[in-house]
């Protein structure tokens, strides 16, 4: 009577052995490749989707709060949501790939599929080959997202929020409606708003201390100047004085400007929104640090994938999530050390080359330790010797 393990071994031997011994076809995926690549890609995008939904849901609530407070208009909420999705996707590609490899290879260990494959002559190098057939496209995608998409999305978020803050004070203006600003100190009314946003038959009451000013004009328009956002009244009258007193000023004007909202300042330039091309050409340490931070996405996927294959080994009773706790500790330590390493580089405590390669050298050392622990020193020596031959 065959046991479950022996049955899998026989099936793997007769099913996979011809594929392994036949001449490889670079244009086709083998059975083992399809087995691993399909599950790996599906798990990667599933994990990435869950992480992005969790983070974007939190950011979406903040965006809705900004819209409710009048900081941004309702029209840009969906646009900001899409940009937040792009930014979150770039941030979570590394842990998604790491967890995906751990779950897929760990499940194969739990279901004794790895034992069956090993009995058919499938070694760790063959498993690495199948894994990287799915990971290499993800790495190429991460390079494009981290170096080009993410900086563009960050600069767009900053630009939209800056523009919305500039127009927050006049967003409530509507034809035939009295609109209050500054806790009632400014009351604005227009009879009609034309297609070019030019207002006709305008009335304004402006209270400054005890004095009250009344402005009426045939038309008005918005103008953004260096000192802030202004309403420019055309062909009108202005009365300024204290109610009940005879001392008041009366004047006619062809053009009169009133600032309704102070300028929020120049648009903040974030280093996260600087294009990668400028970072490559810059020799500033903060720019080099930002460039290294972006390169962490593809490099992190590569090294953590190398680490995940030996780390995923679990006993048949270990469960699907066997080493996920250890994996999360490794990832957070890896990510935090990378940030600390870059901060040391910016401060000048370490050199630039060490600021870039320090965390990766440590990760590569950990990969070597995991492989030696799993397969032993003789296997490593034999693999290197066979590679040379």
Protein backbone atom coordinates (compact mmCIF):
# COMPACT_ATOMS: atom_id res chain seq x y z
CA UNK A 1 0.00 0.00 0.00
CA UNK A 2 1.56 3.30 -1.11
CA UNK A 3 1.60 6.24 1.26
CA UNK A 4 0.58 9.72 0.16
CA UNK A 5 4.20 10.85 -0.10
CA UNK A 6 5.23 7.81 -2.18
CA UNK A 7 2.27 8.33 -4.48
CA UNK A 8 3.27 11.95 -5.13
CA UNK A 9 6.85 10.85 -5.73
CA UNK A 10 5.82 8.30 -8.36
CA UNK A 11 3.52 10.77 -10.09
CA UNK A 12 6.21 13.45 -10.08
CA UNK A 13 8.83 11.03 -11.40
CA UNK A 14 6.80 9.85 -14.39
CA UNK A 15 5.17 13.22 -15.06
CA UNK A 16 8.02 15.68 -14.60
CA UNK A 17 11.06 13.58 -15.43
CA UNK A 18 10.54 13.63 -19.23
CA UNK A 19 10.14 17.40 -19.09
CA UNK A 20 13.33 17.82 -17.09
CA UNK A 21 15.40 15.55 -19.32
CA UNK A 22 14.11 16.93 -22.59
CA UNK A 23 15.72 19.83 -24.38
CA UNK A 24 14.53 23.10 -22.82
CA UNK A 25 12.37 25.35 -24.91
CA UNK A 26 12.85 29.01 -24.04
CA UNK A 27 9.59 29.96 -25.71
CA UNK A 28 7.44 27.67 -23.58
CA UNK A 29 6.78 27.29 -19.87
CA UNK A 30 7.29 23.82 -18.50
CA UNK A 31 4.76 22.10 -16.27
CA UNK A 32 6.65 23.16 -13.16
CA UNK A 33 6.82 26.75 -14.43
CA UNK A 34 3.08 26.87 -15.02
CA UNK A 35 2.47 25.34 -11.60
CA UNK A 36 4.48 28.02 -9.80
CA UNK A 37 4.06 31.07 -12.06
CA UNK A 38 0.26 30.93 -12.12
CA UNK A 39 -0.10 30.69 -8.33
CA UNK A 40 2.65 33.23 -7.75
CA UNK A 41 1.18 35.94 -9.99
CA UNK A 42 -2.32 35.36 -8.66
CA UNK A 43 -1.14 35.53 -5.05
CA UNK A 44 1.00 38.62 -5.71
CA UNK A 45 -1.84 40.67 -7.18
CA UNK A 46 -4.25 39.43 -4.51
CA UNK A 47 -1.94 40.50 -1.67
CA UNK A 48 -1.18 43.80 -3.40
CA UNK A 49 -4.89 44.49 -3.87
CA UNK A 50 -5.67 43.83 -0.21
CA UNK A 51 -2.85 46.09 1.03
CA UNK A 52 -3.74 48.89 -1.39
CA UNK A 53 -7.45 48.76 -0.46
CA UNK A 54 -6.64 48.97 3.26
CA UNK A 55 -4.28 51.95 2.91
CA UNK A 56 -6.28 53.79 0.25
CA UNK A 57 -9.47 53.42 2.32
CA UNK A 58 -7.78 55.28 5.16
CA UNK A 59 -6.46 57.97 2.82
CA UNK A 60 -9.84 58.21 1.11
CA UNK A 61 -11.48 59.10 4.43
CA UNK A 62 -8.94 61.90 4.86
CA UNK A 63 -9.69 63.12 1.34
CA UNK A 64 -13.43 63.11 2.02
CA UNK A 65 -12.81 65.09 5.21
CA UNK A 66 -10.87 67.68 3.23
CA UNK A 67 -13.75 67.91 0.75
CA UNK A 68 -16.29 68.27 3.58
CA UNK A 69 -14.24 71.10 5.11
CA UNK A 70 -14.09 72.89 1.75
CA UNK A 71 -10.33 72.53 1.35
CA UNK A 72 -10.79 70.68 -1.94
CA UNK A 73 -13.73 70.45 -4.33
CA UNK A 74 -15.80 67.35 -4.93
CA UNK A 75 -14.64 67.25 -8.55
CA UNK A 76 -11.05 66.27 -7.67
CA UNK A 77 -11.85 63.58 -5.10
CA UNK A 78 -11.91 60.77 -7.68
CA UNK A 79 -8.71 62.10 -9.29
CA UNK A 80 -6.90 62.15 -5.95
CA UNK A 81 -8.17 58.65 -5.19
CA UNK A 82 -6.66 57.31 -8.42
CA UNK A 83 -3.32 58.96 -7.65
CA UNK A 84 -3.35 57.53 -4.13
CA UNK A 85 -3.89 54.06 -5.59
CA UNK A 86 -0.80 54.47 -7.80
CA UNK A 87 1.32 55.67 -4.87
CA UNK A 88 0.16 52.85 -2.61
CA UNK A 89 0.78 50.26 -5.33
CA UNK A 90 4.38 51.44 -5.68
CA UNK A 91 4.90 51.30 -1.90
CA UNK A 92 3.57 47.78 -1.40
CA UNK A 93 5.03 45.91 -4.37
CA UNK A 94 8.01 44.71 -2.30
CA UNK A 95 6.07 43.12 0.60
CA UNK A 96 3.47 41.74 -1.82
CA UNK A 97 6.12 39.87 -3.83
CA UNK A 98 7.81 38.65 -0.63
CA UNK A 99 4.58 37.33 0.89
CA UNK A 100 3.46 35.81 -2.42
CA UNK A 101 6.60 33.69 -2.76
CA UNK A 102 6.40 32.62 0.88
CA UNK A 103 2.76 31.57 0.58
CA UNK A 104 3.11 29.70 -2.71
CA UNK A 105 6.33 27.82 -1.85
CA UNK A 106 5.14 27.28 1.73
CA UNK A 107 1.92 25.71 0.48
CA UNK A 108 3.92 23.41 -1.77
CA UNK A 109 5.96 22.28 1.25
CA UNK A 110 2.81 21.75 3.30
CA UNK A 111 1.14 19.68 0.57
CA UNK A 112 4.40 17.70 0.10
CA UNK A 113 4.62 18.85 -3.51
CA UNK A 114 8.20 19.96 -2.91
CA UNK A 115 9.08 16.45 -1.69
CA UNK A 116 7.56 14.98 -4.82
CA UNK A 117 9.44 17.42 -7.04
CA UNK A 118 12.69 16.76 -5.20
CA UNK A 119 12.29 13.00 -5.81
CA UNK A 120 11.99 13.77 -9.53
CA UNK A 121 15.28 15.64 -9.51
CA UNK A 122 13.93 19.19 -9.12
CA UNK A 123 16.39 21.14 -6.99
CA UNK A 124 16.35 24.58 -5.47
CA UNK A 125 17.99 26.14 -8.54
CA UNK A 126 15.14 24.82 -10.70
CA UNK A 127 12.62 26.25 -8.24
CA UNK A 128 14.42 29.60 -8.37
CA UNK A 129 14.20 29.51 -12.16
CA UNK A 130 10.41 29.00 -12.09
CA UNK A 131 9.93 31.65 -9.41
CA UNK A 132 11.90 34.27 -11.31
CA UNK A 133 9.91 33.66 -14.48
CA UNK A 134 7.08 35.31 -12.57
CA UNK A 135 9.18 37.75 -10.54
CA UNK A 136 11.21 39.27 -13.42
CA UNK A 137 8.12 40.87 -15.06
CA UNK A 138 7.14 42.18 -11.62
CA UNK A 139 10.62 43.67 -11.18
CA UNK A 140 10.41 45.36 -14.58
CA UNK A 141 6.99 46.73 -13.68
CA UNK A 142 8.31 47.98 -10.33
CA UNK A 143 11.16 49.85 -12.05
CA UNK A 144 8.69 51.73 -14.23
CA UNK A 145 6.34 52.43 -11.32
CA UNK A 146 9.03 53.48 -8.83
CA UNK A 147 11.13 55.64 -11.18
CA UNK A 148 8.43 57.26 -13.32
CA UNK A 149 4.83 56.69 -12.24
CA UNK A 150 5.22 57.32 -8.51
CA UNK A 151 7.09 60.69 -8.80
CA UNK A 152 4.55 61.92 -11.35
CA UNK A 153 1.63 60.89 -9.11
CA UNK A 154 3.18 62.59 -6.07
CA UNK A 155 3.76 65.85 -7.95
CA UNK A 156 0.17 65.72 -9.25
CA UNK A 157 -1.21 65.31 -5.73
CA UNK A 158 0.79 68.31 -4.51
CA UNK A 159 -0.27 70.42 -7.50
CA UNK A 160 -3.97 69.60 -7.16
CA UNK A 161 -4.10 70.28 -3.42
CA UNK A 162 -2.20 73.56 -3.85
CA UNK A 163 -4.55 74.67 -6.61
CA UNK A 164 -7.62 73.70 -4.60
CA UNK A 165 -6.42 75.61 -1.54
CA UNK A 166 -5.98 78.71 -3.68
CA UNK A 167 -9.58 78.60 -4.88
CA UNK A 168 -11.12 77.40 -1.60
CA UNK A 169 -12.29 80.89 -0.65
CA UNK A 170 -14.42 81.49 -3.75
CA UNK A 171 -15.66 77.96 -4.38
CA UNK A 172 -19.07 78.71 -2.90
CA UNK A 173 -19.88 81.64 -5.21
CA UNK A 174 -23.08 80.98 -7.16
CA UNK A 175 -25.43 83.16 -9.21
CA UNK A 176 -28.39 84.62 -7.27
CA UNK A 177 -26.97 83.55 -3.89
CA UNK A 178 -25.52 85.53 -0.97
CA UNK A 179 -22.23 83.96 0.11
CA UNK A 180 -20.50 84.72 3.41
CA UNK A 181 -16.74 84.65 4.05
CA UNK A 182 -14.65 85.38 7.10
CA UNK A 183 -17.48 84.72 9.59
CA UNK A 184 -19.77 87.19 7.89
CA UNK A 185 -17.23 89.99 7.47
CA UNK A 186 -17.50 89.64 3.70
CA UNK A 187 -20.82 89.09 1.94
CA UNK A 188 -20.79 88.52 -1.80
CA UNK A 189 -23.63 88.45 -4.33
CA UNK A 190 -23.74 88.23 -8.10
CA UNK A 191 -26.76 88.19 -10.33
CA UNK A 192 -25.28 86.14 -13.16
CA UNK A 193 -22.12 84.16 -13.98
CA UNK A 194 -21.18 83.91 -17.64
CA UNK A 195 -19.54 80.97 -19.39
CA UNK A 196 -16.07 82.57 -19.03
CA UNK A 197 -16.63 82.84 -15.22
CA UNK A 198 -17.10 86.56 -15.46
CA UNK A 199 -19.72 87.83 -12.98
CA UNK A 200 -22.34 90.51 -13.70
CA UNK A 201 -24.27 92.87 -11.39
CA UNK A 202 -22.09 92.31 -8.33
CA UNK A 203 -22.77 93.45 -4.74
CA UNK A 204 -20.24 93.16 -1.89
CA UNK A 205 -20.36 94.16 1.77
CA UNK A 206 -16.95 94.30 3.40
CA UNK A 207 -16.70 94.81 7.17
CA UNK A 208 -13.36 95.89 8.64
CA UNK A 209 -13.65 96.69 12.32
CA UNK A 210 -16.38 99.29 12.76
CA UNK A 211 -16.23 100.43 9.17
CA UNK A 212 -18.38 98.86 6.50
CA UNK A 213 -17.73 99.11 2.78
CA UNK A 214 -20.34 98.61 0.08
CA UNK A 215 -19.26 97.86 -3.47
CA UNK A 216 -21.51 97.59 -6.50
CA UNK A 217 -20.21 97.03 -10.00
CA UNK A 218 -21.39 96.06 -13.44
CA UNK A 219 -19.06 93.05 -13.58
CA UNK A 220 -16.22 91.30 -11.75
CA UNK A 221 -13.66 88.59 -12.41
CA UNK A 222 -11.14 86.52 -10.46
CA UNK A 223 -7.44 87.16 -10.82
CA UNK A 224 -4.58 85.30 -9.17
CA UNK A 225 -1.75 87.70 -8.28
CA UNK A 226 1.48 87.28 -6.33
CA UNK A 227 -0.12 88.43 -3.06
CA UNK A 228 -3.11 86.12 -3.29
CA UNK A 229 -6.44 85.64 -4.99
CA UNK A 230 -8.34 88.83 -5.88
CA UNK A 231 -11.76 89.80 -7.18
CA UNK A 232 -11.41 92.67 -9.64
CA UNK A 233 -14.55 94.84 -9.92
CA UNK A 234 -15.14 96.72 -13.17
CA UNK A 235 -17.14 99.98 -13.54
CA UNK A 236 -18.73 100.43 -10.15
CA UNK A 237 -19.14 102.47 -6.95
CA UNK A 238 -17.68 102.11 -3.47
CA UNK A 239 -18.94 103.54 -0.18
CA UNK A 240 -16.78 103.26 2.98
CA UNK A 241 -17.62 104.48 6.47
CA UNK A 242 -19.08 103.85 9.93
CA UNK A 243 -22.85 103.34 10.02
CA UNK A 244 -24.64 106.32 11.67
CA UNK A 245 -21.84 108.80 11.05
CA UNK A 246 -21.56 111.39 8.32
CA UNK A 247 -17.88 110.80 7.74
CA UNK A 248 -17.79 108.39 4.81
CA UNK A 249 -16.04 108.04 1.45
CA UNK A 250 -17.80 107.72 -1.88
CA UNK A 251 -15.94 106.95 -5.06
CA UNK A 252 -16.41 105.63 -8.58
CA UNK A 253 -13.93 103.35 -10.23
CA UNK A 254 -13.28 101.64 -13.50
CA UNK A 255 -11.29 98.87 -11.82
CA UNK A 256 -11.01 97.96 -8.14
CA UNK A 257 -9.34 94.85 -6.67
CA UNK A 258 -10.16 93.16 -3.37
CA UNK A 259 -8.21 90.26 -1.92
CA UNK A 260 -10.59 87.60 -0.71
CA UNK A 261 -8.04 84.97 0.26
CA UNK A 262 -4.40 85.25 1.18
CA UNK A 263 -2.01 83.35 -1.02
CA UNK A 264 -1.13 80.00 0.52
CA UNK A 265 2.42 80.53 -0.68
CA UNK A 266 4.26 79.00 -3.55
CA UNK A 267 3.60 75.40 -4.44
CA UNK A 268 5.60 73.16 -2.14
CA UNK A 269 8.22 71.21 -4.02
CA UNK A 270 8.54 67.72 -2.56
CA UNK A 271 11.63 65.67 -3.26
CA UNK A 272 9.35 62.67 -3.76
CA UNK A 273 7.87 64.44 -6.79
CA UNK A 274 11.18 65.25 -8.48
CA UNK A 275 11.68 63.33 -11.70
CA UNK A 276 14.16 60.47 -11.65
CA UNK A 277 16.06 62.05 -14.55
CA UNK A 278 16.92 65.07 -12.39
CA UNK A 279 17.92 62.80 -9.51
CA UNK A 280 20.33 60.89 -11.77
CA UNK A 281 21.95 64.18 -12.81
CA UNK A 282 22.17 65.62 -9.29
CA UNK A 283 25.07 65.21 -6.87
CA UNK A 284 23.18 66.36 -3.75
CA UNK A 285 23.05 63.80 -1.00
CA UNK A 286 19.30 64.20 -0.42
CA UNK A 287 18.65 63.66 -4.14
CA UNK A 288 20.94 60.61 -4.19
CA UNK A 289 19.12 59.29 -1.13
CA UNK A 290 15.75 59.69 -2.84
CA UNK A 291 17.06 57.90 -5.93
CA UNK A 292 18.32 55.02 -3.79
CA UNK A 293 14.93 54.90 -2.05
CA UNK A 294 13.22 54.42 -5.41
CA UNK A 295 15.69 51.76 -6.50
CA UNK A 296 14.87 49.91 -3.27
CA UNK A 297 11.61 48.71 -4.86
CA UNK A 298 13.12 46.51 -7.62
CA UNK A 299 16.20 45.62 -5.57
CA UNK A 300 14.05 44.70 -2.59
CA UNK A 301 11.84 42.43 -4.69
CA UNK A 302 14.94 40.68 -6.09
CA UNK A 303 16.69 40.05 -2.77
CA UNK A 304 13.61 39.22 -0.74
CA UNK A 305 12.57 36.71 -3.40
CA UNK A 306 15.98 35.04 -3.07
CA UNK A 307 15.42 35.00 0.68
CA UNK A 308 11.83 33.77 0.52
CA UNK A 309 12.51 30.43 -1.22
CA UNK A 310 14.62 28.86 1.58
CA UNK A 311 12.62 30.73 4.23
CA UNK A 312 9.38 29.17 2.98
CA UNK A 313 10.38 25.65 4.00
CA UNK A 314 7.92 24.38 6.61
CA UNK A 315 6.88 21.01 7.97
CA UNK A 316 3.74 19.38 6.52
CA UNK A 317 1.89 20.35 9.71
CA UNK A 318 3.17 23.90 9.72
CA UNK A 319 0.17 25.40 7.95
CA UNK A 320 -0.07 27.73 4.96
CA UNK A 321 1.21 30.72 6.92
CA UNK A 322 4.15 28.82 8.41
CA UNK A 323 6.93 31.45 8.39
CA UNK A 324 4.95 34.62 7.69
CA UNK A 325 5.65 36.04 11.15
CA UNK A 326 9.38 35.67 10.64
CA UNK A 327 8.97 37.08 7.14
CA UNK A 328 7.23 40.21 8.39
CA UNK A 329 9.95 40.78 10.98
CA UNK A 330 12.60 40.35 8.29
CA UNK A 331 10.83 42.73 5.90
CA UNK A 332 10.30 45.49 8.48
CA UNK A 333 13.88 45.16 9.68
CA UNK A 334 15.09 45.24 6.08
CA UNK A 335 12.97 48.32 5.24
CA UNK A 336 13.83 50.24 8.42
CA UNK A 337 17.53 49.53 8.08
CA UNK A 338 17.40 50.83 4.53
CA UNK A 339 15.87 54.11 5.74
CA UNK A 340 18.35 54.44 8.58
CA UNK A 341 21.20 53.67 6.21
CA UNK A 342 20.10 56.43 3.84
CA UNK A 343 19.76 58.92 6.69
CA UNK A 344 23.31 58.11 7.78
CA UNK A 345 24.45 58.71 4.22
CA UNK A 346 22.72 62.11 4.04
CA UNK A 347 24.31 63.14 7.34
CA UNK A 348 27.73 62.10 6.04
CA UNK A 349 28.27 59.35 8.62
CA UNK A 350 28.81 56.72 5.91
CA UNK A 351 29.91 56.86 2.28
CA UNK A 352 27.55 56.90 -0.67
CA UNK A 353 28.43 53.41 -1.91
CA UNK A 354 27.84 51.95 1.57
CA UNK A 355 24.57 53.87 1.86
CA UNK A 356 23.35 52.11 -1.27
CA UNK A 357 24.85 48.66 -0.91
CA UNK A 358 24.96 48.13 2.87
CA UNK A 359 21.44 46.79 3.27
CA UNK A 360 21.73 44.65 0.14
CA UNK A 361 25.01 43.09 1.27
CA UNK A 362 23.37 42.23 4.59
CA UNK A 363 20.38 40.71 2.78
CA UNK A 364 22.62 38.66 0.49
CA UNK A 365 24.51 37.37 3.53
CA UNK A 366 21.19 36.32 5.08
CA UNK A 367 20.20 34.51 1.88
CA UNK A 368 23.49 32.58 1.99
CA UNK A 369 22.95 31.65 5.64
CA UNK A 370 19.41 30.41 4.90
CA UNK A 371 20.59 28.28 1.97
CA UNK A 372 23.43 26.78 4.01
CA UNK A 373 21.07 26.07 6.91
CA UNK A 374 18.57 24.38 4.59
CA UNK A 375 20.88 22.41 2.28
CA UNK A 376 24.20 22.37 4.12
CA UNK A 377 27.69 23.47 3.16
CA UNK A 378 28.40 20.42 0.93
CA UNK A 379 25.43 21.29 -1.29
CA UNK A 380 26.65 24.89 -1.70
CA UNK A 381 30.17 23.69 -2.57
CA UNK A 382 28.82 21.08 -4.98
CA UNK A 383 26.52 23.63 -6.66
CA UNK A 384 29.40 26.06 -7.16
CA UNK A 385 31.67 23.31 -8.47
CA UNK A 386 29.02 22.02 -10.87
CA UNK A 387 28.42 25.56 -12.05
CA UNK A 388 32.10 25.98 -12.92
CA UNK A 389 32.17 22.74 -14.87
